């Protein structure tokens, strides 16, 4: 039996994480420079000096190389629901969180006008295969939120499923509206008040239908 050196596992995981980040970062740079469809997986692997099989161990699909940039937001709504304060409803927690993300000009809210974010967003929504892959991410978010609602709110399965779909859809609609405002040339700071107002209206509509269900 071989000895396990203390810290070896941690260093190995750190190296994997750095490789994963290097692959995604390099891929996005190439995608933005040449266009998503003009860059092959082999191009990305060569740029990072790894083999294609190694790349596919980190990212099962080419689209995942690009979408890794938003991986931190996967399951975010579910995490907010699970971490909410005692006595706070899921919708209250999600409402407060979305407002906080708006104030931080988080790209996930659509309210971010940094050039690199705008370029990435334009690439994402103009590439059919990325849009299709993003739909899978959205489905995963819905399932995670549904499970969080079921585990923490005591609601029934159908209500949790419908609520999760509605909440995730509302977030996407709000983000798209914010992107459109920025595309018209308005700076993010000037759009912020309207973005908050729309979020309040959206969560008011959600609450009108879901509050009676304990959400």
C-alpha atoms as a PDB file:
ATOM      1  CA  UNK A   1       0.000   0.000   0.000  1.00  0.00           C
ATOM      2  CA  UNK A   2       1.392   3.402  -0.960  1.00  0.00           C
ATOM      3  CA  UNK A   3       1.640   6.157   1.587  1.00  0.00           C
ATOM      4  CA  UNK A   4      -0.588   9.184   1.298  1.00  0.00           C
ATOM      5  CA  UNK A   5       1.351  12.372   1.859  1.00  0.00           C
ATOM      6  CA  UNK A   6      -0.608  14.951   3.897  1.00  0.00           C
ATOM      7  CA  UNK A   7      -1.980  17.628   1.626  1.00  0.00           C
ATOM      8  CA  UNK A   8      -1.502  15.601  -1.549  1.00  0.00           C
ATOM      9  CA  UNK A   9      -5.221  15.378  -2.262  1.00  0.00           C
ATOM     10  CA  UNK A  10      -5.637  19.105  -1.739  1.00  0.00           C
ATOM     11  CA  UNK A  11      -2.767  19.935  -4.082  1.00  0.00           C
ATOM     12  CA  UNK A  12      -4.102  17.557  -6.699  1.00  0.00           C
ATOM     13  CA  UNK A  13      -7.531  19.166  -6.578  1.00  0.00           C
ATOM     14  CA  UNK A  14      -5.970  22.621  -6.746  1.00  0.00           C
ATOM     15  CA  UNK A  15      -4.044  21.627  -9.867  1.00  0.00           C
ATOM     16  CA  UNK A  16      -7.224  20.273 -11.459  1.00  0.00           C
ATOM     17  CA  UNK A  17      -9.064  23.478 -10.653  1.00  0.00           C
ATOM     18  CA  UNK A  18      -6.304  25.586 -12.181  1.00  0.00           C
ATOM     19  CA  UNK A  19      -6.303  23.434 -15.313  1.00  0.00           C
ATOM     20  CA  UNK A  20     -10.092  23.707 -15.594  1.00  0.00           C
ATOM     21  CA  UNK A  21      -9.946  27.494 -15.241  1.00  0.00           C
ATOM     22  CA  UNK A  22      -7.089  27.765 -17.763  1.00  0.00           C
ATOM     23  CA  UNK A  23      -9.015  25.702 -20.296  1.00  0.00           C
ATOM     24  CA  UNK A  24     -12.178  27.763 -19.928  1.00  0.00           C
ATOM     25  CA  UNK A  25     -10.363  31.113 -19.894  1.00  0.00           C
ATOM     26  CA  UNK A  26      -8.318  30.258 -22.990  1.00  0.00           C
ATOM     27  CA  UNK A  27     -11.366  28.869 -24.776  1.00  0.00           C
ATOM     28  CA  UNK A  28     -13.416  32.015 -24.156  1.00  0.00           C
ATOM     29  CA  UNK A  29     -10.544  34.192 -25.386  1.00  0.00           C
ATOM     30  CA  UNK A  30     -10.326  32.152 -28.591  1.00  0.00           C
ATOM     31  CA  UNK A  31     -14.116  32.077 -29.034  1.00  0.00           C
ATOM     32  CA  UNK A  32     -14.349  35.860 -28.711  1.00  0.00           C
ATOM     33  CA  UNK A  33     -11.403  36.404 -31.032  1.00  0.00           C
ATOM     34  CA  UNK A  34     -12.362  33.985 -33.829  1.00  0.00           C
ATOM     35  CA  UNK A  35     -15.992  33.055 -33.205  1.00  0.00           C
ATOM     36  CA  UNK A  36     -17.309  30.025 -31.351  1.00  0.00           C
ATOM     37  CA  UNK A  37     -17.862  27.846 -34.412  1.00  0.00           C
ATOM     38  CA  UNK A  38     -14.427  28.660 -35.834  1.00  0.00           C
ATOM     39  CA  UNK A  39     -12.547  27.296 -32.800  1.00  0.00           C
ATOM     40  CA  UNK A  40     -12.199  23.540 -32.324  1.00  0.00           C
ATOM     41  CA  UNK A  41     -11.659  21.605 -29.127  1.00  0.00           C
ATOM     42  CA  UNK A  42      -8.252  20.657 -30.529  1.00  0.00           C
ATOM     43  CA  UNK A  43      -7.395  24.373 -30.822  1.00  0.00           C
ATOM     44  CA  UNK A  44      -8.186  24.926 -27.148  1.00  0.00           C
ATOM     45  CA  UNK A  45      -6.306  21.825 -26.016  1.00  0.00           C
ATOM     46  CA  UNK A  46      -3.240  22.845 -28.015  1.00  0.00           C
ATOM     47  CA  UNK A  47      -3.300  26.378 -26.609  1.00  0.00           C
ATOM     48  CA  UNK A  48      -3.273  25.037 -23.039  1.00  0.00           C
ATOM     49  CA  UNK A  49      -0.857  22.217 -23.954  1.00  0.00           C
ATOM     50  CA  UNK A  50      -3.078  19.311 -22.945  1.00  0.00           C
ATOM     51  CA  UNK A  51      -4.488  16.450 -24.998  1.00  0.00           C
ATOM     52  CA  UNK A  52      -8.063  16.337 -26.271  1.00  0.00           C
ATOM     53  CA  UNK A  53      -8.879  13.350 -24.001  1.00  0.00           C
ATOM     54  CA  UNK A  54      -7.604  15.373 -21.039  1.00  0.00           C
ATOM     55  CA  UNK A  55      -9.766  18.342 -22.024  1.00  0.00           C
ATOM     56  CA  UNK A  56     -12.844  16.138 -22.287  1.00  0.00           C
ATOM     57  CA  UNK A  57     -12.221  14.829 -18.769  1.00  0.00           C
ATOM     58  CA  UNK A  58     -12.773  18.393 -17.561  1.00  0.00           C
ATOM     59  CA  UNK A  59     -15.446  19.488 -20.015  1.00  0.00           C
ATOM     60  CA  UNK A  60     -17.717  16.893 -21.654  1.00  0.00           C
ATOM     61  CA  UNK A  61     -18.845  19.306 -24.385  1.00  0.00           C
ATOM     62  CA  UNK A  62     -17.276  22.240 -26.188  1.00  0.00           C
ATOM     63  CA  UNK A  63     -20.136  24.462 -25.024  1.00  0.00           C
ATOM     64  CA  UNK A  64     -19.243  23.765 -21.404  1.00  0.00           C
ATOM     65  CA  UNK A  65     -15.886  25.479 -21.939  1.00  0.00           C
ATOM     66  CA  UNK A  66     -17.756  28.737 -22.469  1.00  0.00           C
ATOM     67  CA  UNK A  67     -20.507  28.221 -19.917  1.00  0.00           C
ATOM     68  CA  UNK A  68     -18.035  27.438 -17.142  1.00  0.00           C
ATOM     69  CA  UNK A  69     -17.735  31.212 -16.817  1.00  0.00           C
ATOM     70  CA  UNK A  70     -21.221  31.269 -15.285  1.00  0.00           C
ATOM     71  CA  UNK A  71     -20.816  28.034 -13.311  1.00  0.00           C
ATOM     72  CA  UNK A  72     -20.720  29.890  -9.993  1.00  0.00           C
ATOM     73  CA  UNK A  73     -24.375  30.797 -10.505  1.00  0.00           C
ATOM     74  CA  UNK A  74     -25.520  27.217 -11.061  1.00  0.00           C
ATOM     75  CA  UNK A  75     -28.006  26.333  -8.332  1.00  0.00           C
ATOM     76  CA  UNK A  76     -27.813  29.834  -6.839  1.00  0.00           C
ATOM     77  CA  UNK A  77     -31.561  30.199  -6.272  1.00  0.00           C
ATOM     78  CA  UNK A  78     -31.657  26.855  -4.485  1.00  0.00           C
ATOM     79  CA  UNK A  79     -28.746  27.870  -2.252  1.00  0.00           C
ATOM     80  CA  UNK A  80     -30.481  31.134  -1.352  1.00  0.00           C
ATOM     81  CA  UNK A  81     -33.643  29.260  -0.368  1.00  0.00           C
ATOM     82  CA  UNK A  82     -31.742  26.746   1.757  1.00  0.00           C
ATOM     83  CA  UNK A  83     -29.672  29.428   3.505  1.00  0.00           C
ATOM     84  CA  UNK A  84     -32.499  31.866   4.246  1.00  0.00           C
ATOM     85  CA  UNK A  85     -33.050  33.163   7.760  1.00  0.00           C
ATOM     86  CA  UNK A  86     -35.552  31.563  10.102  1.00  0.00           C
ATOM     87  CA  UNK A  87     -39.008  32.965   9.486  1.00  0.00           C
ATOM     88  CA  UNK A  88     -38.086  34.316   6.045  1.00  0.00           C
ATOM     89  CA  UNK A  89     -40.091  32.926   3.137  1.00  0.00           C
ATOM     90  CA  UNK A  90     -38.365  31.585   0.002  1.00  0.00           C
ATOM     91  CA  UNK A  91     -39.736  34.450  -2.095  1.00  0.00           C
ATOM     92  CA  UNK A  92     -38.572  37.064   0.422  1.00  0.00           C
ATOM     93  CA  UNK A  93     -35.077  35.602   0.406  1.00  0.00           C
ATOM     94  CA  UNK A  94     -34.938  35.402  -3.385  1.00  0.00           C
ATOM     95  CA  UNK A  95     -36.312  38.934  -3.777  1.00  0.00           C
ATOM     96  CA  UNK A  96     -33.672  40.386  -1.435  1.00  0.00           C
ATOM     97  CA  UNK A  97     -30.930  38.405  -3.144  1.00  0.00           C
ATOM     98  CA  UNK A  98     -31.894  39.594  -6.622  1.00  0.00           C
ATOM     99  CA  UNK A  99     -31.958  43.213  -5.483  1.00  0.00           C
ATOM    100  CA  UNK A 100     -28.504  42.764  -3.931  1.00  0.00           C
ATOM    101  CA  UNK A 101     -27.174  41.293  -7.182  1.00  0.00           C
ATOM    102  CA  UNK A 102     -28.582  44.281  -9.069  1.00  0.00           C
ATOM    103  CA  UNK A 103     -26.762  46.671  -6.739  1.00  0.00           C
ATOM    104  CA  UNK A 104     -23.560  44.706  -7.373  1.00  0.00           C
ATOM    105  CA  UNK A 105     -24.103  44.974 -11.156  1.00  0.00           C
ATOM    106  CA  UNK A 106     -23.771  41.205 -11.341  1.00  0.00           C
ATOM    107  CA  UNK A 107     -23.729  39.985 -14.973  1.00  0.00           C
ATOM    108  CA  UNK A 108     -26.322  37.340 -14.097  1.00  0.00           C
ATOM    109  CA  UNK A 109     -28.910  40.119 -13.667  1.00  0.00           C
ATOM    110  CA  UNK A 110     -28.165  41.499 -17.128  1.00  0.00           C
ATOM    111  CA  UNK A 111     -27.154  44.788 -15.506  1.00  0.00           C
ATOM    112  CA  UNK A 112     -23.445  44.832 -16.323  1.00  0.00           C
ATOM    113  CA  UNK A 113     -21.948  46.956 -19.073  1.00  0.00           C
ATOM    114  CA  UNK A 114     -18.297  45.936 -18.794  1.00  0.00           C
ATOM    115  CA  UNK A 115     -17.050  45.396 -22.369  1.00  0.00           C
ATOM    116  CA  UNK A 116     -15.836  41.842 -21.755  1.00  0.00           C
ATOM    117  CA  UNK A 117     -19.202  40.889 -20.257  1.00  0.00           C
ATOM    118  CA  UNK A 118     -21.111  42.429 -23.155  1.00  0.00           C
ATOM    119  CA  UNK A 119     -18.902  40.587 -25.664  1.00  0.00           C
ATOM    120  CA  UNK A 120     -19.416  37.269 -23.877  1.00  0.00           C
ATOM    121  CA  UNK A 121     -23.170  37.786 -23.643  1.00  0.00           C
ATOM    122  CA  UNK A 122     -23.407  38.654 -27.333  1.00  0.00           C
ATOM    123  CA  UNK A 123     -21.488  35.507 -28.248  1.00  0.00           C
ATOM    124  CA  UNK A 124     -23.603  33.352 -25.958  1.00  0.00           C
ATOM    125  CA  UNK A 125     -26.984  34.443 -27.281  1.00  0.00           C
ATOM    126  CA  UNK A 126     -25.950  34.526 -30.931  1.00  0.00           C
ATOM    127  CA  UNK A 127     -24.647  30.932 -30.940  1.00  0.00           C
ATOM    128  CA  UNK A 128     -27.443  28.333 -31.236  1.00  0.00           C
ATOM    129  CA  UNK A 129     -25.461  25.488 -29.662  1.00  0.00           C
ATOM    130  CA  UNK A 130     -24.630  27.632 -26.629  1.00  0.00           C
ATOM    131  CA  UNK A 131     -28.252  28.686 -26.240  1.00  0.00           C
ATOM    132  CA  UNK A 132     -29.289  25.027 -26.395  1.00  0.00           C
ATOM    133  CA  UNK A 133     -26.699  24.027 -23.816  1.00  0.00           C
ATOM    134  CA  UNK A 134     -27.763  26.910 -21.588  1.00  0.00           C
ATOM    135  CA  UNK A 135     -31.286  25.460 -21.620  1.00  0.00           C
ATOM    136  CA  UNK A 136     -29.907  22.349 -19.901  1.00  0.00           C
ATOM    137  CA  UNK A 137     -28.332  24.547 -17.244  1.00  0.00           C
ATOM    138  CA  UNK A 138     -31.690  26.246 -16.734  1.00  0.00           C
ATOM    139  CA  UNK A 139     -33.417  22.896 -16.285  1.00  0.00           C
ATOM    140  CA  UNK A 140     -30.817  21.934 -13.679  1.00  0.00           C
ATOM    141  CA  UNK A 141     -31.476  25.212 -11.849  1.00  0.00           C
ATOM    142  CA  UNK A 142     -35.214  24.515 -11.845  1.00  0.00           C
ATOM    143  CA  UNK A 143     -34.725  21.017 -10.438  1.00  0.00           C
ATOM    144  CA  UNK A 144     -32.375  22.253  -7.727  1.00  0.00           C
ATOM    145  CA  UNK A 145     -34.797  25.005  -6.699  1.00  0.00           C
ATOM    146  CA  UNK A 146     -37.725  22.596  -6.742  1.00  0.00           C
ATOM    147  CA  UNK A 147     -35.858  20.273  -4.363  1.00  0.00           C
ATOM    148  CA  UNK A 148     -34.930  23.175  -2.090  1.00  0.00           C
ATOM    149  CA  UNK A 149     -38.547  24.304  -1.897  1.00  0.00           C
ATOM    150  CA  UNK A 150     -39.718  20.788  -1.167  1.00  0.00           C
ATOM    151  CA  UNK A 151     -37.105  20.285   1.544  1.00  0.00           C
ATOM    152  CA  UNK A 152     -37.522  23.607   3.322  1.00  0.00           C
ATOM    153  CA  UNK A 153     -41.032  24.965   2.797  1.00  0.00           C
ATOM    154  CA  UNK A 154     -43.314  21.987   3.270  1.00  0.00           C
ATOM    155  CA  UNK A 155     -45.150  22.650   0.026  1.00  0.00           C
ATOM    156  CA  UNK A 156     -46.350  19.894  -2.287  1.00  0.00           C
ATOM    157  CA  UNK A 157     -44.390  18.579  -5.273  1.00  0.00           C
ATOM    158  CA  UNK A 158     -46.546  20.149  -7.983  1.00  0.00           C
ATOM    159  CA  UNK A 159     -46.446  23.592  -6.365  1.00  0.00           C
ATOM    160  CA  UNK A 160     -42.678  23.354  -5.864  1.00  0.00           C
ATOM    161  CA  UNK A 161     -42.172  22.369  -9.498  1.00  0.00           C
ATOM    162  CA  UNK A 162     -44.375  25.161 -10.846  1.00  0.00           C
ATOM    163  CA  UNK A 163     -42.917  27.747  -8.480  1.00  0.00           C
ATOM    164  CA  UNK A 164     -39.348  26.839  -9.425  1.00  0.00           C
ATOM    165  CA  UNK A 165     -40.118  27.156 -13.130  1.00  0.00           C
ATOM    166  CA  UNK A 166     -41.814  30.526 -12.621  1.00  0.00           C
ATOM    167  CA  UNK A 167     -39.033  31.956 -10.464  1.00  0.00           C
ATOM    168  CA  UNK A 168     -36.230  30.929 -12.808  1.00  0.00           C
ATOM    169  CA  UNK A 169     -38.214  32.241 -15.791  1.00  0.00           C
ATOM    170  CA  UNK A 170     -38.763  35.590 -14.059  1.00  0.00           C
ATOM    171  CA  UNK A 171     -35.029  35.939 -13.437  1.00  0.00           C
ATOM    172  CA  UNK A 172     -34.317  35.336 -17.130  1.00  0.00           C
ATOM    173  CA  UNK A 173     -36.968  37.833 -18.256  1.00  0.00           C
ATOM    174  CA  UNK A 174     -35.645  40.510 -15.905  1.00  0.00           C
ATOM    175  CA  UNK A 175     -32.086  39.911 -17.122  1.00  0.00           C
ATOM    176  CA  UNK A 176     -33.120  40.111 -20.782  1.00  0.00           C
ATOM    177  CA  UNK A 177     -34.946  43.397 -20.165  1.00  0.00           C
ATOM    178  CA  UNK A 178     -31.843  44.828 -18.517  1.00  0.00           C
ATOM    179  CA  UNK A 179     -29.664  43.700 -21.440  1.00  0.00           C
ATOM    180  CA  UNK A 180     -32.004  45.414 -23.886  1.00  0.00           C
ATOM    181  CA  UNK A 181     -31.742  48.660 -21.961  1.00  0.00           C
ATOM    182  CA  UNK A 182     -27.949  48.480 -22.023  1.00  0.00           C
ATOM    183  CA  UNK A 183     -28.016  47.631 -25.730  1.00  0.00           C
ATOM    184  CA  UNK A 184     -29.854  50.911 -26.285  1.00  0.00           C
ATOM    185  CA  UNK A 185     -26.785  52.694 -24.943  1.00  0.00           C
ATOM    186  CA  UNK A 186     -27.922  53.419 -21.396  1.00  0.00           C
ATOM    187  CA  UNK A 187     -25.187  53.030 -18.743  1.00  0.00           C
ATOM    188  CA  UNK A 188     -25.831  50.421 -16.062  1.00  0.00           C
ATOM    189  CA  UNK A 189     -26.031  53.013 -13.306  1.00  0.00           C
ATOM    190  CA  UNK A 190     -28.860  54.896 -14.986  1.00  0.00           C
ATOM    191  CA  UNK A 191     -30.803  51.652 -15.563  1.00  0.00           C
ATOM    192  CA  UNK A 192     -30.523  50.495 -11.936  1.00  0.00           C
ATOM    193  CA  UNK A 193     -33.657  52.247 -10.563  1.00  0.00           C
ATOM    194  CA  UNK A 194     -35.871  50.831 -13.327  1.00  0.00           C
ATOM    195  CA  UNK A 195     -34.336  47.394 -12.823  1.00  0.00           C
ATOM    196  CA  UNK A 196     -35.207  47.497  -9.120  1.00  0.00           C
ATOM    197  CA  UNK A 197     -38.728  48.656  -9.929  1.00  0.00           C
ATOM    198  CA  UNK A 198     -39.263  45.819 -12.418  1.00  0.00           C
ATOM    199  CA  UNK A 199     -37.929  43.291  -9.926  1.00  0.00           C
ATOM    200  CA  UNK A 200     -40.360  44.497  -7.284  1.00  0.00           C
ATOM    201  CA  UNK A 201     -43.243  44.224  -9.729  1.00  0.00           C
ATOM    202  CA  UNK A 202     -42.179  40.728 -10.795  1.00  0.00           C
ATOM    203  CA  UNK A 203     -41.847  39.446  -7.247  1.00  0.00           C
ATOM    204  CA  UNK A 204     -45.138  41.083  -6.350  1.00  0.00           C
ATOM    205  CA  UNK A 205     -46.820  39.061  -9.085  1.00  0.00           C
ATOM    206  CA  UNK A 206     -45.073  35.893  -7.943  1.00  0.00           C
ATOM    207  CA  UNK A 207     -46.115  36.539  -4.367  1.00  0.00           C
ATOM    208  CA  UNK A 208     -49.722  37.079  -5.353  1.00  0.00           C
ATOM    209  CA  UNK A 209     -49.863  33.533  -6.629  1.00  0.00           C
ATOM    210  CA  UNK A 210     -47.470  31.718  -4.337  1.00  0.00           C
ATOM    211  CA  UNK A 211     -47.671  33.363  -0.903  1.00  0.00           C
ATOM    212  CA  UNK A 212     -50.848  31.457  -0.064  1.00  0.00           C
ATOM    213  CA  UNK A 213     -48.848  28.260  -0.609  1.00  0.00           C
ATOM    214  CA  UNK A 214     -46.326  29.221   2.037  1.00  0.00           C
ATOM    215  CA  UNK A 215     -43.692  30.383  -0.436  1.00  0.00           C
END
